[in-house]
Amino acid sequence: MIVVTRLNDSQFAINPDLIERIHASPDTTLVMVDGAKFIVIETLDEIIEKIARFRAHVISLASLTDDRDYRSGARSLEIPMGPHAIEDELEPGSGQRPRRL
């Protein structure tokens, strides 16, 4: 999930896999696969960056997970949760590189 902000400054999380397209004219509008539309204050580039970071985070977690633990239901690592989990994984001040878990 990525966190986005409505024009009234309320935040909500949205599944980026359900975004069909993004318009920026002039406000950024997320058009979902079911036809729902959300106008947000983030720019088109910011939304694309959030989606890329979210997907990179999912891939990095998958590479750290042992398949045997997944099948047995045991947790082998703490998975960061919450609306800002991806941002919390970054090195302080860098905004670029995730910390190692």
Foldseek 3Di string as FASTA:
>chain_A
DAWFAAPVRDIDDDDPVQFPDWDPPPFIWTQGPVGDITTTRDDPVVVVVRVVLVVVLVVVVVVVDDVVCVVVVHDPDDQQDDNCSSVVQCDPPPSDDGDDD
